[in-house]
C-alpha atoms as a PDB file:
ATOM      1  CA  MET A   1      41.186   0.073   9.939  1.00  0.00           C
ATOM      2  CA  ILE A   2      38.482   1.718  10.294  1.00  0.00           C
ATOM      3  CA  GLN A   3      38.931   4.990   8.435  1.00  0.00           C
ATOM      4  CA  ALA A   4      36.928   7.992   9.638  1.00  0.00           C
ATOM      5  CA  GLU A   5      35.778  10.191   6.883  1.00  0.00           C
ATOM      6  CA  GLY A   6      38.179  13.638   6.906  1.00  0.00           C
ATOM      7  CA  VAL A   7      40.680  12.130   9.005  1.00  0.00           C
ATOM      8  CA  ALA A   8      44.205  11.332   7.778  1.00  0.00           C
ATOM      9  CA  GLU A   9      46.104   8.304   8.824  1.00  0.00           C
ATOM     10  CA  VAL A  10      49.740   8.382  10.615  1.00  0.00           C
ATOM     11  CA  THR A  11      52.083   5.850  11.059  1.00  0.00           C
ATOM     12  CA  ASP A  12      55.366   5.009  13.078  1.00  0.00           C
ATOM     13  CA  ALA A  13      57.282   6.856  10.529  1.00  0.00           C
ATOM     14  CA  THR A  14      55.081  10.069  10.148  1.00  0.00           C
ATOM     15  CA  PHE A  15      54.216  10.668  13.589  1.00  0.00           C
ATOM     16  CA  GLY A  16      56.717  13.180  14.559  1.00  0.00           C
ATOM     17  CA  GLU A  17      55.956  15.432  11.470  1.00  0.00           C
ATOM     18  CA  GLU A  18      52.295  14.968  11.468  1.00  0.00           C
ATOM     19  CA  VAL A  19      51.728  15.409  14.731  1.00  0.00           C
ATOM     20  CA  LEU A  20      54.641  16.262  17.001  1.00  0.00           C
ATOM     21  CA  LYS A  21      55.401  19.413  14.771  1.00  0.00           C
ATOM     22  CA  ALA A  22      52.326  20.419  14.108  1.00  0.00           C
ATOM     23  CA  GLY A  23      50.702  23.828  14.355  1.00  0.00           C
ATOM     24  CA  LEU A  24      47.467  22.819  15.502  1.00  0.00           C
ATOM     25  CA  PRO A  25      47.037  20.588  18.031  1.00  0.00           C
ATOM     26  CA  VAL A  26      46.576  17.509  17.307  1.00  0.00           C
ATOM     27  CA  LEU A  27      44.134  14.574  18.305  1.00  0.00           C
ATOM     28  CA  VAL A  28      45.456  11.381  17.938  1.00  0.00           C
ATOM     29  CA  GLU A  29      43.331   8.000  18.237  1.00  0.00           C
ATOM     30  CA  PHE A  30      44.678   5.054  19.241  1.00  0.00           C
ATOM     31  CA  THR A  31      42.559   2.659  17.016  1.00  0.00           C
ATOM     32  CA  ALA A  32      42.614  -0.992  15.633  1.00  0.00           C
ATOM     33  CA  ASP A  33      39.984  -2.654  12.684  1.00  0.00           C
ATOM     34  CA  TRP A  34      39.193  -5.568  15.733  1.00  0.00           C
ATOM     35  CA  CYS A  35      37.458  -2.683  17.874  1.00  0.00           C
ATOM     36  CA  PRO A  36      33.915  -1.981  17.670  1.00  0.00           C
ATOM     37  CA  PRO A  37      34.097   1.038  20.343  1.00  0.00           C
ATOM     38  CA  CYS A  38      36.135   2.076  17.394  1.00  0.00           C
ATOM     39  CA  ARG A  39      33.676   1.797  14.536  1.00  0.00           C
ATOM     40  CA  GLN A  40      31.491   3.725  16.663  1.00  0.00           C
ATOM     41  CA  LEU A  41      34.155   6.774  17.384  1.00  0.00           C
ATOM     42  CA  ALA A  42      34.560   7.148  13.592  1.00  0.00           C
ATOM     43  CA  PRO A  43      32.036   8.926  12.753  1.00  0.00           C
ATOM     44  CA  VAL A  44      32.298  11.095  15.820  1.00  0.00           C
ATOM     45  CA  LEU A  45      35.588  11.880  14.393  1.00  0.00           C
ATOM     46  CA  SER A  46      34.827  12.532  11.235  1.00  0.00           C
ATOM     47  CA  ALA A  47      32.161  15.288  12.727  1.00  0.00           C
ATOM     48  CA  VAL A  48      34.890  17.042  14.908  1.00  0.00           C
ATOM     49  CA  ALA A  49      37.696  17.128  12.229  1.00  0.00           C
ATOM     50  CA  ALA A  50      35.644  19.079  10.093  1.00  0.00           C
ATOM     51  CA  GLN A  51      33.952  21.561  12.744  1.00  0.00           C
ATOM     52  CA  GLU A  52      36.929  22.615  14.483  1.00  0.00           C
ATOM     53  CA  ALA A  53      39.681  22.053  11.496  1.00  0.00           C
ATOM     54  CA  ALA A  54      40.603  25.846  12.061  1.00  0.00           C
ATOM     55  CA  ARG A  55      41.120  24.974  15.585  1.00  0.00           C
ATOM     56  CA  LEU A  56      42.366  21.159  15.989  1.00  0.00           C
ATOM     57  CA  LYS A  57      43.877  18.370  13.720  1.00  0.00           C
ATOM     58  CA  VAL A  58      42.430  14.870  14.050  1.00  0.00           C
ATOM     59  CA  VAL A  59      44.394  12.130  12.556  1.00  0.00           C
ATOM     60  CA  GLN A  60      44.305   8.213  13.326  1.00  0.00           C
ATOM     61  CA  LEU A  61      46.739   5.942  13.819  1.00  0.00           C
ATOM     62  CA  ASP A  62      46.642   1.621  13.381  1.00  0.00           C
ATOM     63  CA  VAL A  63      47.730   0.114  16.552  1.00  0.00           C
ATOM     64  CA  ASP A  64      48.810  -3.366  15.185  1.00  0.00           C
ATOM     65  CA  ALA A  65      50.262  -1.625  12.389  1.00  0.00           C
ATOM     66  CA  ASN A  66      52.403   1.504  14.392  1.00  0.00           C
ATOM     67  CA  PRO A  67      53.567  -0.822  17.578  1.00  0.00           C
ATOM     68  CA  GLU A  68      56.418   2.148  18.236  1.00  0.00           C
ATOM     69  CA  THR A  69      54.327   4.861  18.347  1.00  0.00           C
ATOM     70  CA  THR A  70      51.733   2.593  20.222  1.00  0.00           C
ATOM     71  CA  ASN A  71      53.690   1.602  22.877  1.00  0.00           C
ATOM     72  CA  ARG A  72      55.762   5.091  23.542  1.00  0.00           C
ATOM     73  CA  TYR A  73      52.642   6.498  25.166  1.00  0.00           C
ATOM     74  CA  GLY A  74      51.588   3.458  26.745  1.00  0.00           C
ATOM     75  CA  VAL A  75      48.490   2.900  24.863  1.00  0.00           C
ATOM     76  CA  LEU A  76      46.707  -0.356  25.736  1.00  0.00           C
ATOM     77  CA  ALA A  77      42.902   0.294  25.564  1.00  0.00           C
ATOM     78  CA  MET A  78      41.220   0.806  22.241  1.00  0.00           C
ATOM     79  CA  PRO A  79      40.224   3.546  21.292  1.00  0.00           C
ATOM     80  CA  THR A  80      42.474   5.930  23.318  1.00  0.00           C
ATOM     81  CA  MET A  81      42.566   9.300  22.116  1.00  0.00           C
ATOM     82  CA  LEU A  82      45.856  11.447  23.371  1.00  0.00           C
ATOM     83  CA  VAL A  83      46.012  15.118  22.651  1.00  0.00           C
ATOM     84  CA  PHE A  84      49.032  16.579  21.885  1.00  0.00           C
ATOM     85  CA  ARG A  85      49.807  20.371  21.868  1.00  0.00           C
ATOM     86  CA  ASP A  86      53.961  21.365  20.693  1.00  0.00           C
ATOM     87  CA  GLY A  87      54.785  18.042  20.482  1.00  0.00           C
ATOM     88  CA  GLU A  88      53.375  16.997  24.008  1.00  0.00           C
ATOM     89  CA  PRO A  89      50.813  14.880  25.057  1.00  0.00           C
ATOM     90  CA  VAL A  90      48.685  17.082  27.118  1.00  0.00           C
ATOM     91  CA  LYS A  91      45.423  15.190  27.316  1.00  0.00           C
ATOM     92  CA  SER A  92      44.550  11.425  27.305  1.00  0.00           C
ATOM     93  CA  MET A  93      40.804  10.283  26.881  1.00  0.00           C
ATOM     94  CA  VAL A  94      39.755   6.276  26.462  1.00  0.00           C
ATOM     95  CA  GLY A  95      36.588   4.855  25.248  1.00  0.00           C
ATOM     96  CA  ALA A  96      34.050   6.091  22.388  1.00  0.00           C
ATOM     97  CA  ARG A  97      31.761   8.769  23.392  1.00  0.00           C
ATOM     98  CA  PRO A  98      29.330  11.132  21.427  1.00  0.00           C
ATOM     99  CA  GLN A  99      30.558  14.177  19.632  1.00  0.00           C
ATOM    100  CA  ARG A 100      28.842  16.714  22.519  1.00  0.00           C
ATOM    101  CA  LYS A 101      30.965  15.152  25.366  1.00  0.00           C
ATOM    102  CA  LEU A 102      33.767  15.095  23.291  1.00  0.00           C
ATOM    103  CA  LEU A 103      33.782  18.524  21.960  1.00  0.00           C
ATOM    104  CA  GLN A 104      33.442  19.328  26.513  1.00  0.00           C
ATOM    105  CA  GLU A 105      35.976  17.620  26.803  1.00  0.00           C
ATOM    106  CA  LEU A 106      38.840  19.417  24.509  1.00  0.00           C
ATOM    107  CA  ALA A 107      37.020  22.858  24.961  1.00  0.00           C
ATOM    108  CA  ASP A 108      39.746  23.833  27.281  1.00  0.00           C
ATOM    109  CA  LEU A 109      42.361  23.067  24.852  1.00  0.00           C
ATOM    110  CA  LEU A 110      40.828  24.630  21.627  1.00  0.00           C
END
């Protein structure tokens, strides 16, 4: 998995604790090693994680290693980003995007 700096990895086993029970909104990037747009998104996620640390938790989930969570949320394309609040997905975004656009899309959730 392309690990974005400063972004934790979650798994099928830790998803409930790390994402569904988190006190902050959580941006989950569903990613894979074989996904070129995921590589483009990694530095964007790192920057957003650092900039919004007080208001947003950012994590990554490797779809190949964690099929249970991937299937539960119907993720078919990489990268898919889901934002969870209070244990529920409240926003879905597919594809890489620049940091400014991502922050605009997240603004109403922060």
